Amino acid sequence: MKIKLGVLAVAVPLALTTLTGCDRTDNGSDVPSAGTSTSSDAADQVEGMSSGLYDLIGVKGKTSDSRATVTECPGKDPDTYFRILHPWSFTPASPDDLGTAMRRLKAALPGHGWKIVEYGPDTSRNKNLRLTADNDAKKASVHVIQMAKDNPPMLSVDVISGCYQVPDGQKAEHF
């Protein structure tokens, strides 16, 4: 896995707080309930969403070798409730294809159940282009940062689920 730590330091906290457009949980939190699942089954689902997003990019390139991880649901028992975060990056074969990759993703997301809730440059010195989209049906959000001035240029992608509850009698696996 070759994800820059600086990217994760900025992207992960942001991704954990950007799930906005979905139904709310009973406690009024901004994090939707994603239903009941084991940690490993939920991780497989989120990684499947990531794979679908990669297909929408439609540009040749490489992805980082990363796996989904379990995170806590704010204000909930971590043995019973969890979220899945899958951070990954995409580096196009040609740096000139980075903008094309972001434009294709932005154009294709709405046709696949994603609602774009944020799009535009951030406030960093590099003015990285950011895209956040929610999928109400999948109870998930994706946050993409186009890092055109990095070497190599890349897209940083975080897919985060809503809060899952483990089946009765089980505990959440943390990996």
C-alpha atoms as a PDB file:
ATOM      1  CA  MET A   1       0.000   0.000   0.000  1.00  0.00           C
ATOM      2  CA  LYS A   2       1.491   3.295  -1.094  1.00  0.00           C
ATOM      3  CA  ILE A   3      -0.844   5.936   0.288  1.00  0.00           C
ATOM      4  CA  LYS A   4       0.888   9.065   1.548  1.00  0.00           C
ATOM      5  CA  LEU A   5       0.383   9.627   5.263  1.00  0.00           C
ATOM      6  CA  GLY A   6      -0.342  13.321   4.652  1.00  0.00           C
ATOM      7  CA  VAL A   7      -3.200  12.347   2.363  1.00  0.00           C
ATOM      8  CA  LEU A   8      -4.680  10.080   5.022  1.00  0.00           C
ATOM      9  CA  ALA A   9      -4.202  12.678   7.754  1.00  0.00           C
ATOM     10  CA  VAL A  10      -6.405  15.098   5.818  1.00  0.00           C
ATOM     11  CA  ALA A  11      -8.737  12.756   3.987  1.00  0.00           C
ATOM     12  CA  VAL A  12      -9.767  10.275   6.683  1.00  0.00           C
ATOM     13  CA  PRO A  13     -11.151  12.765   9.236  1.00  0.00           C
ATOM     14  CA  LEU A  14     -12.874  14.633   6.429  1.00  0.00           C
ATOM     15  CA  ALA A  15     -14.386  11.472   4.988  1.00  0.00           C
ATOM     16  CA  LEU A  16     -15.616  10.418   8.405  1.00  0.00           C
ATOM     17  CA  THR A  17     -17.566  13.661   8.742  1.00  0.00           C
ATOM     18  CA  THR A  18     -18.869  14.211   5.195  1.00  0.00           C
ATOM     19  CA  LEU A  19     -21.637  11.622   4.992  1.00  0.00           C
ATOM     20  CA  THR A  20     -24.466  14.134   4.821  1.00  0.00           C
ATOM     21  CA  GLY A  21     -27.343  13.373   2.494  1.00  0.00           C
ATOM     22  CA  CYS A  22     -28.585  10.032   3.789  1.00  0.00           C
ATOM     23  CA  ASP A  23     -31.314   9.185   6.291  1.00  0.00           C
ATOM     24  CA  ARG A  24     -30.426   9.887   9.889  1.00  0.00           C
ATOM     25  CA  THR A  25     -30.051   7.351  12.684  1.00  0.00           C
ATOM     26  CA  ASP A  26     -32.406   7.330  15.643  1.00  0.00           C
ATOM     27  CA  ASN A  27     -30.077   9.449  17.777  1.00  0.00           C
ATOM     28  CA  GLY A  28     -30.131  12.368  15.298  1.00  0.00           C
ATOM     29  CA  SER A  29     -26.560  11.797  14.164  1.00  0.00           C
ATOM     30  CA  ASP A  30     -25.538  12.721  10.614  1.00  0.00           C
ATOM     31  CA  VAL A  31     -24.404   9.132  10.095  1.00  0.00           C
ATOM     32  CA  PRO A  32     -27.127   6.941   8.580  1.00  0.00           C
ATOM     33  CA  SER A  33     -27.921   3.434   9.714  1.00  0.00           C
ATOM     34  CA  ALA A  34     -26.630   0.946   7.138  1.00  0.00           C
ATOM     35  CA  GLY A  35     -28.426  -2.060   8.611  1.00  0.00           C
ATOM     36  CA  THR A  36     -27.092  -5.248  10.175  1.00  0.00           C
ATOM     37  CA  SER A  37     -23.902  -6.978   9.016  1.00  0.00           C
ATOM     38  CA  THR A  38     -20.679  -8.552  10.124  1.00  0.00           C
ATOM     39  CA  SER A  39     -17.570  -6.414   9.757  1.00  0.00           C
ATOM     40  CA  SER A  40     -16.085  -8.612   7.039  1.00  0.00           C
ATOM     41  CA  ASP A  41     -19.287  -8.740   4.954  1.00  0.00           C
ATOM     42  CA  ALA A  42     -19.667  -4.953   5.224  1.00  0.00           C
ATOM     43  CA  ALA A  43     -16.004  -4.479   4.235  1.00  0.00           C
ATOM     44  CA  ASP A  44     -16.579  -6.642   1.151  1.00  0.00           C
ATOM     45  CA  GLN A  45     -19.574  -4.455   0.213  1.00  0.00           C
ATOM     46  CA  VAL A  46     -17.617  -1.213   0.579  1.00  0.00           C
ATOM     47  CA  GLU A  47     -14.669  -2.595  -1.387  1.00  0.00           C
ATOM     48  CA  GLY A  48     -17.201  -3.566  -4.068  1.00  0.00           C
ATOM     49  CA  MET A  49     -18.407   0.048  -4.154  1.00  0.00           C
ATOM     50  CA  SER A  50     -14.796   1.165  -4.568  1.00  0.00           C
ATOM     51  CA  SER A  51     -14.397  -1.226  -7.481  1.00  0.00           C
ATOM     52  CA  GLY A  52     -17.505   0.245  -9.115  1.00  0.00           C
ATOM     53  CA  LEU A  53     -16.115   3.754  -8.655  1.00  0.00           C
ATOM     54  CA  TYR A  54     -12.830   2.684 -10.240  1.00  0.00           C
ATOM     55  CA  ASP A  55     -14.789   1.415 -13.253  1.00  0.00           C
ATOM     56  CA  LEU A  56     -16.497   4.824 -13.581  1.00  0.00           C
ATOM     57  CA  ILE A  57     -13.113   6.603 -13.810  1.00  0.00           C
ATOM     58  CA  GLY A  58     -12.599   5.049 -17.242  1.00  0.00           C
ATOM     59  CA  VAL A  59      -8.912   5.953 -17.522  1.00  0.00           C
ATOM     60  CA  LYS A  60      -5.947   3.588 -17.513  1.00  0.00           C
ATOM     61  CA  GLY A  61      -3.816   3.725 -14.398  1.00  0.00           C
ATOM     62  CA  LYS A  62      -2.959   2.062 -11.092  1.00  0.00           C
ATOM     63  CA  THR A  63      -4.736   1.902  -7.775  1.00  0.00           C
ATOM     64  CA  SER A  64      -3.112   1.605  -4.390  1.00  0.00           C
ATOM     65  CA  ASP A  65      -3.192  -1.791  -2.744  1.00  0.00           C
ATOM     66  CA  SER A  66      -5.333  -1.012   0.280  1.00  0.00           C
ATOM     67  CA  ARG A  67      -8.016  -2.829   2.222  1.00  0.00           C
ATOM     68  CA  ALA A  68     -11.070  -1.537   4.035  1.00  0.00           C
ATOM     69  CA  THR A  69     -10.856  -0.859   7.749  1.00  0.00           C
ATOM     70  CA  VAL A  70     -13.372  -0.745  10.592  1.00  0.00           C
ATOM     71  CA  THR A  71     -14.003   2.584  12.326  1.00  0.00           C
ATOM     72  CA  GLU A  72     -16.292   3.556  15.185  1.00  0.00           C
ATOM     73  CA  CYS A  73     -19.747   5.080  14.910  1.00  0.00           C
ATOM     74  CA  PRO A  74     -19.840   8.359  16.833  1.00  0.00           C
ATOM     75  CA  GLY A  75     -21.499   7.956  20.215  1.00  0.00           C
ATOM     76  CA  LYS A  76     -22.201   4.229  19.795  1.00  0.00           C
ATOM     77  CA  ASP A  77     -20.851   1.076  21.437  1.00  0.00           C
ATOM     78  CA  PRO A  78     -17.810   0.023  19.323  1.00  0.00           C
ATOM     79  CA  ASP A  79     -18.468  -3.659  20.039  1.00  0.00           C
ATOM     80  CA  THR A  80     -21.937  -3.422  18.485  1.00  0.00           C
ATOM     81  CA  TYR A  81     -21.764  -0.613  15.900  1.00  0.00           C
ATOM     82  CA  PHE A  82     -19.155   0.150  13.253  1.00  0.00           C
ATOM     83  CA  ARG A  83     -18.464   1.879   9.960  1.00  0.00           C
ATOM     84  CA  ILE A  84     -16.271   0.745   7.094  1.00  0.00           C
ATOM     85  CA  LEU A  85     -13.691   3.063   5.516  1.00  0.00           C
ATOM     86  CA  HIS A  86     -11.883   2.137   2.304  1.00  0.00           C
ATOM     87  CA  PRO A  87      -9.156   4.676   1.453  1.00  0.00           C
ATOM     88  CA  TRP A  88      -7.379   4.201  -1.859  1.00  0.00           C
ATOM     89  CA  SER A  89      -5.699   6.215  -4.569  1.00  0.00           C
ATOM     90  CA  PHE A  90      -5.670   6.215  -8.354  1.00  0.00           C
ATOM     91  CA  THR A  91      -2.641   7.250 -10.384  1.00  0.00           C
ATOM     92  CA  PRO A  92      -3.358   7.613 -14.111  1.00  0.00           C
ATOM     93  CA  ALA A  93      -0.910   6.090 -16.614  1.00  0.00           C
ATOM     94  CA  SER A  94      -0.409   9.603 -17.999  1.00  0.00           C
ATOM     95  CA  PRO A  95      -0.476  12.676 -15.720  1.00  0.00           C
ATOM     96  CA  ASP A  96      -2.476  14.426 -18.457  1.00  0.00           C
ATOM     97  CA  ASP A  97      -5.356  11.981 -17.769  1.00  0.00           C
ATOM     98  CA  LEU A  98      -5.892  13.112 -14.172  1.00  0.00           C
ATOM     99  CA  GLY A  99      -8.420  15.822 -15.077  1.00  0.00           C
ATOM    100  CA  THR A 100     -10.178  13.433 -17.448  1.00  0.00           C
ATOM    101  CA  ALA A 101     -10.482  10.855 -14.645  1.00  0.00           C
ATOM    102  CA  MET A 102     -12.085  13.396 -12.291  1.00  0.00           C
ATOM    103  CA  ARG A 103     -14.465  14.729 -14.963  1.00  0.00           C
ATOM    104  CA  ARG A 104     -15.581  11.214 -15.920  1.00  0.00           C
ATOM    105  CA  LEU A 105     -16.181  10.303 -12.298  1.00  0.00           C
ATOM    106  CA  LYS A 106     -18.186  13.493 -11.686  1.00  0.00           C
ATOM    107  CA  ALA A 107     -20.277  12.925 -14.820  1.00  0.00           C
ATOM    108  CA  ALA A 108     -20.942   9.219 -14.151  1.00  0.00           C
ATOM    109  CA  LEU A 109     -21.748   9.269 -10.423  1.00  0.00           C
ATOM    110  CA  PRO A 110     -25.331  10.621 -10.659  1.00  0.00           C
ATOM    111  CA  GLY A 111     -26.303   7.897 -13.135  1.00  0.00           C
ATOM    112  CA  HIS A 112     -25.227   5.263 -10.613  1.00  0.00           C
ATOM    113  CA  GLY A 113     -27.194   6.461  -7.578  1.00  0.00           C
ATOM    114  CA  TRP A 114     -24.681   8.988  -6.213  1.00  0.00           C
ATOM    115  CA  LYS A 115     -25.720  12.568  -5.412  1.00  0.00           C
ATOM    116  CA  ILE A 116     -22.882  15.085  -5.622  1.00  0.00           C
ATOM    117  CA  VAL A 117     -23.069  17.248  -2.487  1.00  0.00           C
ATOM    118  CA  GLU A 118     -19.749  19.099  -2.849  1.00  0.00           C
ATOM    119  CA  TYR A 119     -17.541  19.928  -5.818  1.00  0.00           C
ATOM    120  CA  GLY A 120     -14.828  22.544  -6.130  1.00  0.00           C
ATOM    121  CA  PRO A 121     -11.355  23.598  -5.059  1.00  0.00           C
ATOM    122  CA  ASP A 122     -10.303  23.331  -1.432  1.00  0.00           C
ATOM    123  CA  THR A 123      -8.580  26.067   0.555  1.00  0.00           C
ATOM    124  CA  SER A 124      -5.125  24.498   0.445  1.00  0.00           C
ATOM    125  CA  ARG A 125      -2.176  26.166  -1.250  1.00  0.00           C
ATOM    126  CA  ASN A 126      -2.553  23.676  -4.117  1.00  0.00           C
ATOM    127  CA  LYS A 127      -6.307  24.354  -4.515  1.00  0.00           C
ATOM    128  CA  ASN A 128      -6.981  20.617  -4.871  1.00  0.00           C
ATOM    129  CA  LEU A 129     -10.290  19.830  -6.536  1.00  0.00           C
ATOM    130  CA  ARG A 130     -12.647  17.961  -4.169  1.00  0.00           C
ATOM    131  CA  LEU A 131     -15.774  15.949  -4.853  1.00  0.00           C
ATOM    132  CA  THR A 132     -18.106  14.471  -2.245  1.00  0.00           C
ATOM    133  CA  ALA A 133     -21.081  12.305  -3.184  1.00  0.00           C
ATOM    134  CA  ASP A 134     -23.635  10.362  -1.155  1.00  0.00           C
ATOM    135  CA  ASN A 135     -25.501   7.220  -2.140  1.00  0.00           C
ATOM    136  CA  ASP A 136     -28.704   7.009  -0.092  1.00  0.00           C
ATOM    137  CA  ALA A 137     -29.553   3.498  -1.296  1.00  0.00           C
ATOM    138  CA  LYS A 138     -26.133   2.127  -0.343  1.00  0.00           C
ATOM    139  CA  LYS A 139     -25.862   4.275   2.807  1.00  0.00           C
ATOM    140  CA  ALA A 140     -22.373   5.355   1.776  1.00  0.00           C
ATOM    141  CA  SER A 141     -20.369   8.395   0.815  1.00  0.00           C
ATOM    142  CA  VAL A 142     -17.325   8.939  -1.370  1.00  0.00           C
ATOM    143  CA  HIS A 143     -14.821  11.747  -1.039  1.00  0.00           C
ATOM    144  CA  VAL A 144     -12.356  12.309  -3.892  1.00  0.00           C
ATOM    145  CA  ILE A 145      -9.430  14.741  -3.937  1.00  0.00           C
ATOM    146  CA  GLN A 146      -7.713  15.514  -7.246  1.00  0.00           C
ATOM    147  CA  MET A 147      -4.085  16.060  -6.258  1.00  0.00           C
ATOM    148  CA  ALA A 148      -2.746  17.492  -9.513  1.00  0.00           C
ATOM    149  CA  LYS A 149       0.419  18.975  -8.000  1.00  0.00           C
ATOM    150  CA  ASP A 150       1.572  15.804  -6.253  1.00  0.00           C
ATOM    151  CA  ASN A 151       4.345  13.716  -7.735  1.00  0.00           C
ATOM    152  CA  PRO A 152       2.855  11.628  -9.203  1.00  0.00           C
ATOM    153  CA  PRO A 153      -0.519  13.334  -9.696  1.00  0.00           C
ATOM    154  CA  MET A 154      -3.356  11.203  -8.306  1.00  0.00           C
ATOM    155  CA  LEU A 155      -6.896  10.935  -7.062  1.00  0.00           C
ATOM    156  CA  SER A 156      -7.257  10.193  -3.351  1.00  0.00           C
ATOM    157  CA  VAL A 157     -10.510   8.290  -2.778  1.00  0.00           C
ATOM    158  CA  ASP A 158     -12.265   7.498   0.508  1.00  0.00           C
ATOM    159  CA  VAL A 159     -15.422   5.399   0.558  1.00  0.00           C
ATOM    160  CA  ILE A 160     -17.183   5.351   3.929  1.00  0.00           C
ATOM    161  CA  SER A 161     -20.303   3.475   5.000  1.00  0.00           C
ATOM    162  CA  GLY A 162     -23.057   4.413   7.359  1.00  0.00           C
ATOM    163  CA  CYS A 163     -23.255   2.742  10.787  1.00  0.00           C
ATOM    164  CA  TYR A 164     -23.765  -1.003  10.768  1.00  0.00           C
ATOM    165  CA  GLN A 165     -24.971  -3.025  13.729  1.00  0.00           C
ATOM    166  CA  VAL A 166     -23.573  -6.522  14.204  1.00  0.00           C
ATOM    167  CA  PRO A 167     -26.017  -9.449  14.281  1.00  0.00           C
ATOM    168  CA  ASP A 168     -27.364 -10.395  17.726  1.00  0.00           C
ATOM    169  CA  GLY A 169     -24.832 -12.245  19.862  1.00  0.00           C
ATOM    170  CA  GLN A 170     -21.793 -11.070  17.852  1.00  0.00           C
ATOM    171  CA  LYS A 171     -19.159  -8.400  18.327  1.00  0.00           C
ATOM    172  CA  ALA A 172     -17.700  -6.103  15.705  1.00  0.00           C
ATOM    173  CA  GLU A 173     -14.341  -7.214  14.352  1.00  0.00           C
ATOM    174  CA  HIS A 174     -11.835  -4.377  14.234  1.00  0.00           C
ATOM    175  CA  PHE A 175      -9.276  -4.548  11.422  1.00  0.00           C
END
